[in-house]
Amino acid sequence: MDAWSIWDPFYAIAEIGKNARPLPIDPKATVQNSFFLANRDFAEKHPDVVVAINEEVAKATQWADTHREETARLFTEASGVDYAAQKRSVDRGEFTFSPVTEKVLEGQQAVADRYFKLKLIPNRIDVHDVVWAKAKS
């Protein structure tokens, strides 16, 4: 294989086990976000539950950020992925949890617009339409 695009910990596995080397790419193309999703009806009917879950995820994220070796060990136990790969993945990762910002939405909108232009999605979308109202306030 000449080139491959992948995320951690699989990227770390390839680096450690296969001596993979990263190719230079535009840093703007590598912005990564993870999103927690909820059923819209559930979130609207039970905002207190969604808020409580968000608070607990924020605590867990903070813990993971300050306990990286333990986080890597827990990920290894849960996934079976080698500790060295998990540790490398955890060390280069960011553990943050926050509401979706306008900057993040702008980035997501740019991706959505590009997908529409490339005909990967059939209709133009506005990413603001899918952000939970409570998160917007």
C-alpha atoms as a PDB file:
ATOM      1  CA  MET A   1       0.000   0.000   0.000  1.00  0.00           C
ATOM      2  CA  ASP A   2       1.413   3.378  -0.982  1.00  0.00           C
ATOM      3  CA  ALA A   3      -0.773   5.682   1.117  1.00  0.00           C
ATOM      4  CA  TRP A   4      -3.533   5.378   3.663  1.00  0.00           C
ATOM      5  CA  SER A   5      -5.702   7.732   5.687  1.00  0.00           C
ATOM      6  CA  ILE A   6      -6.571   6.531   9.192  1.00  0.00           C
ATOM      7  CA  TRP A   7      -7.158   7.726  12.743  1.00  0.00           C
ATOM      8  CA  ASP A   8      -5.742   6.728  16.112  1.00  0.00           C
ATOM      9  CA  PRO A   9      -5.115   4.236  17.574  1.00  0.00           C
ATOM     10  CA  PHE A  10      -4.814   2.546  14.168  1.00  0.00           C
ATOM     11  CA  TYR A  11      -2.411   5.250  13.014  1.00  0.00           C
ATOM     12  CA  ALA A  12      -0.203   4.546  16.065  1.00  0.00           C
ATOM     13  CA  ILE A  13      -0.375   0.789  15.388  1.00  0.00           C
ATOM     14  CA  ALA A  14       0.880   1.399  11.836  1.00  0.00           C
ATOM     15  CA  GLU A  15       3.652   3.704  13.053  1.00  0.00           C
ATOM     16  CA  ILE A  16       4.882   1.221  15.649  1.00  0.00           C
ATOM     17  CA  GLY A  17       4.333  -2.058  13.828  1.00  0.00           C
ATOM     18  CA  LYS A  18       4.814  -1.090  10.195  1.00  0.00           C
ATOM     19  CA  ASN A  19       7.133   1.930  10.383  1.00  0.00           C
ATOM     20  CA  ALA A  20       4.486   4.059   8.667  1.00  0.00           C
ATOM     21  CA  ARG A  21       5.440   7.663   8.025  1.00  0.00           C
ATOM     22  CA  PRO A  22       3.017  10.587   7.884  1.00  0.00           C
ATOM     23  CA  LEU A  23       2.707  12.540   4.655  1.00  0.00           C
ATOM     24  CA  PRO A  24       2.719  16.333   4.881  1.00  0.00           C
ATOM     25  CA  ILE A  25      -0.810  17.667   4.605  1.00  0.00           C
ATOM     26  CA  ASP A  26      -2.586  20.959   5.057  1.00  0.00           C
ATOM     27  CA  PRO A  27      -3.103  21.447   8.837  1.00  0.00           C
ATOM     28  CA  LYS A  28      -6.555  22.918   8.131  1.00  0.00           C
ATOM     29  CA  ALA A  29      -7.547  19.561   6.652  1.00  0.00           C
ATOM     30  CA  THR A  30      -6.741  17.714   9.863  1.00  0.00           C
ATOM     31  CA  VAL A  31      -9.074  19.482  12.285  1.00  0.00           C
ATOM     32  CA  GLN A  32     -10.879  16.717  14.113  1.00  0.00           C
ATOM     33  CA  ASN A  33     -13.964  16.932  16.241  1.00  0.00           C
ATOM     34  CA  SER A  34     -15.983  14.271  17.967  1.00  0.00           C
ATOM     35  CA  PHE A  35     -19.637  14.825  18.618  1.00  0.00           C
ATOM     36  CA  PHE A  36     -22.029  13.206  21.055  1.00  0.00           C
ATOM     37  CA  LEU A  37     -25.362  12.595  19.390  1.00  0.00           C
ATOM     38  CA  ALA A  38     -28.822  12.264  20.888  1.00  0.00           C
ATOM     39  CA  ASN A  39     -32.202  11.494  19.452  1.00  0.00           C
ATOM     40  CA  ARG A  40     -33.822  14.907  18.892  1.00  0.00           C
ATOM     41  CA  ASP A  41     -37.147  13.936  20.520  1.00  0.00           C
ATOM     42  CA  PHE A  42     -35.380  12.512  23.579  1.00  0.00           C
ATOM     43  CA  ALA A  43     -33.167  15.592  23.983  1.00  0.00           C
ATOM     44  CA  GLU A  44     -36.159  17.916  23.747  1.00  0.00           C
ATOM     45  CA  LYS A  45     -38.228  15.869  26.224  1.00  0.00           C
ATOM     46  CA  HIS A  46     -35.390  15.191  28.687  1.00  0.00           C
ATOM     47  CA  PRO A  47     -32.932  18.095  28.590  1.00  0.00           C
ATOM     48  CA  ASP A  48     -32.055  17.448  32.241  1.00  0.00           C
ATOM     49  CA  VAL A  49     -30.779  13.975  31.342  1.00  0.00           C
ATOM     50  CA  VAL A  50     -28.732  15.324  28.436  1.00  0.00           C
ATOM     51  CA  VAL A  51     -27.233  18.030  30.667  1.00  0.00           C
ATOM     52  CA  ALA A  52     -26.396  15.434  33.363  1.00  0.00           C
ATOM     53  CA  ILE A  53     -24.735  13.165  30.803  1.00  0.00           C
ATOM     54  CA  ASN A  54     -22.740  16.107  29.440  1.00  0.00           C
ATOM     55  CA  GLU A  55     -21.575  16.986  32.961  1.00  0.00           C
ATOM     56  CA  GLU A  56     -20.384  13.412  33.584  1.00  0.00           C
ATOM     57  CA  VAL A  57     -18.648  13.202  30.210  1.00  0.00           C
ATOM     58  CA  ALA A  58     -16.890  16.501  30.997  1.00  0.00           C
ATOM     59  CA  LYS A  59     -15.649  15.036  34.303  1.00  0.00           C
ATOM     60  CA  ALA A  60     -14.459  11.838  32.616  1.00  0.00           C
ATOM     61  CA  THR A  61     -12.719  13.831  29.895  1.00  0.00           C
ATOM     62  CA  GLN A  62     -10.941  15.985  32.462  1.00  0.00           C
ATOM     63  CA  TRP A  63      -9.823  12.855  34.313  1.00  0.00           C
ATOM     64  CA  ALA A  64      -8.528  11.256  31.108  1.00  0.00           C
ATOM     65  CA  ASP A  65      -6.580  14.408  30.266  1.00  0.00           C
ATOM     66  CA  THR A  66      -4.795  14.378  33.632  1.00  0.00           C
ATOM     67  CA  HIS A  67      -4.359  10.570  33.857  1.00  0.00           C
ATOM     68  CA  ARG A  68      -3.002   9.661  30.435  1.00  0.00           C
ATOM     69  CA  GLU A  69      -1.110   6.497  31.390  1.00  0.00           C
ATOM     70  CA  GLU A  70      -4.163   5.090  33.155  1.00  0.00           C
ATOM     71  CA  THR A  71      -6.352   6.144  30.224  1.00  0.00           C
ATOM     72  CA  ALA A  72      -4.082   4.287  27.803  1.00  0.00           C
ATOM     73  CA  ARG A  73      -4.163   1.214  30.047  1.00  0.00           C
ATOM     74  CA  LEU A  74      -7.975   1.308  30.232  1.00  0.00           C
ATOM     75  CA  PHE A  75      -8.213   1.717  26.455  1.00  0.00           C
ATOM     76  CA  THR A  76      -5.856  -1.259  26.036  1.00  0.00           C
ATOM     77  CA  GLU A  77      -7.990  -3.411  28.327  1.00  0.00           C
ATOM     78  CA  ALA A  78     -11.195  -2.402  26.547  1.00  0.00           C
ATOM     79  CA  SER A  79      -9.897  -2.716  22.984  1.00  0.00           C
ATOM     80  CA  GLY A  80      -7.108  -5.278  23.029  1.00  0.00           C
ATOM     81  CA  VAL A  81      -4.914  -2.773  21.165  1.00  0.00           C
ATOM     82  CA  ASP A  82      -1.269  -2.855  22.279  1.00  0.00           C
ATOM     83  CA  TYR A  83      -0.460  -0.487  25.159  1.00  0.00           C
ATOM     84  CA  ALA A  84       2.376   1.256  23.265  1.00  0.00           C
ATOM     85  CA  ALA A  85      -0.015   2.175  20.443  1.00  0.00           C
ATOM     86  CA  GLN A  86      -2.723   3.293  22.854  1.00  0.00           C
ATOM     87  CA  LYS A  87      -0.208   5.374  24.826  1.00  0.00           C
ATOM     88  CA  ARG A  88       1.057   7.094  21.677  1.00  0.00           C
ATOM     89  CA  SER A  89      -2.516   7.753  20.598  1.00  0.00           C
ATOM     90  CA  VAL A  90      -3.502   9.122  24.012  1.00  0.00           C
ATOM     91  CA  ASP A  91      -0.362  11.263  24.258  1.00  0.00           C
ATOM     92  CA  ARG A  92      -1.006  13.049  20.988  1.00  0.00           C
ATOM     93  CA  GLY A  93      -4.738  13.365  21.562  1.00  0.00           C
ATOM     94  CA  GLU A  94      -6.673  16.173  23.159  1.00  0.00           C
ATOM     95  CA  PHE A  95      -9.182  15.414  25.876  1.00  0.00           C
ATOM     96  CA  THR A  96     -11.615  18.288  25.985  1.00  0.00           C
ATOM     97  CA  PHE A  97     -15.385  18.509  26.185  1.00  0.00           C
ATOM     98  CA  SER A  98     -17.287  21.671  25.449  1.00  0.00           C
ATOM     99  CA  PRO A  99     -20.407  22.917  23.736  1.00  0.00           C
ATOM    100  CA  VAL A 100     -20.257  23.183  19.972  1.00  0.00           C
ATOM    101  CA  THR A 101     -18.822  26.591  19.088  1.00  0.00           C
ATOM    102  CA  GLU A 102     -19.542  28.771  16.086  1.00  0.00           C
ATOM    103  CA  LYS A 103     -15.975  28.101  14.880  1.00  0.00           C
ATOM    104  CA  VAL A 104     -16.628  24.344  14.942  1.00  0.00           C
ATOM    105  CA  LEU A 105     -19.924  24.857  13.112  1.00  0.00           C
ATOM    106  CA  GLU A 106     -18.165  26.957  10.471  1.00  0.00           C
ATOM    107  CA  GLY A 107     -15.734  24.105   9.882  1.00  0.00           C
ATOM    108  CA  GLN A 108     -18.531  21.552   9.696  1.00  0.00           C
ATOM    109  CA  GLN A 109     -20.461  23.805   7.308  1.00  0.00           C
ATOM    110  CA  ALA A 110     -17.406  24.043   5.049  1.00  0.00           C
ATOM    111  CA  VAL A 111     -17.239  20.236   4.934  1.00  0.00           C
ATOM    112  CA  ALA A 112     -20.980  19.982   4.227  1.00  0.00           C
ATOM    113  CA  ASP A 113     -20.688  22.572   1.456  1.00  0.00           C
ATOM    114  CA  ARG A 114     -17.743  20.714  -0.071  1.00  0.00           C
ATOM    115  CA  TYR A 115     -19.650  17.408   0.064  1.00  0.00           C
ATOM    116  CA  PHE A 116     -22.606  19.051  -1.690  1.00  0.00           C
ATOM    117  CA  LYS A 117     -20.351  20.569  -4.352  1.00  0.00           C
ATOM    118  CA  LEU A 118     -18.782  17.144  -4.953  1.00  0.00           C
ATOM    119  CA  LYS A 119     -22.279  15.598  -5.094  1.00  0.00           C
ATOM    120  CA  LEU A 120     -21.539  13.349  -2.111  1.00  0.00           C
ATOM    121  CA  ILE A 121     -24.779  14.568  -0.524  1.00  0.00           C
ATOM    122  CA  PRO A 122     -27.875  15.371  -2.608  1.00  0.00           C
ATOM    123  CA  ASN A 123     -28.973  18.607  -0.920  1.00  0.00           C
ATOM    124  CA  ARG A 124     -27.285  21.624   0.610  1.00  0.00           C
ATOM    125  CA  ILE A 125     -27.610  21.533   4.410  1.00  0.00           C
ATOM    126  CA  ASP A 126     -27.234  24.026   7.236  1.00  0.00           C
ATOM    127  CA  VAL A 127     -25.368  22.346  10.090  1.00  0.00           C
ATOM    128  CA  HIS A 128     -26.901  24.804  12.565  1.00  0.00           C
ATOM    129  CA  ASP A 129     -30.201  22.963  12.096  1.00  0.00           C
ATOM    130  CA  VAL A 130     -28.932  19.876  13.926  1.00  0.00           C
ATOM    131  CA  VAL A 131     -27.381  21.508  16.997  1.00  0.00           C
ATOM    132  CA  TRP A 132     -29.415  20.958  20.149  1.00  0.00           C
ATOM    133  CA  ALA A 133     -31.181  24.191  21.143  1.00  0.00           C
ATOM    134  CA  LYS A 134     -29.947  23.907  24.751  1.00  0.00           C
ATOM    135  CA  ALA A 135     -26.367  23.737  23.462  1.00  0.00           C
ATOM    136  CA  LYS A 136     -26.923  26.947  21.485  1.00  0.00           C
ATOM    137  CA  SER A 137     -27.958  28.929  24.561  1.00  0.00           C
END
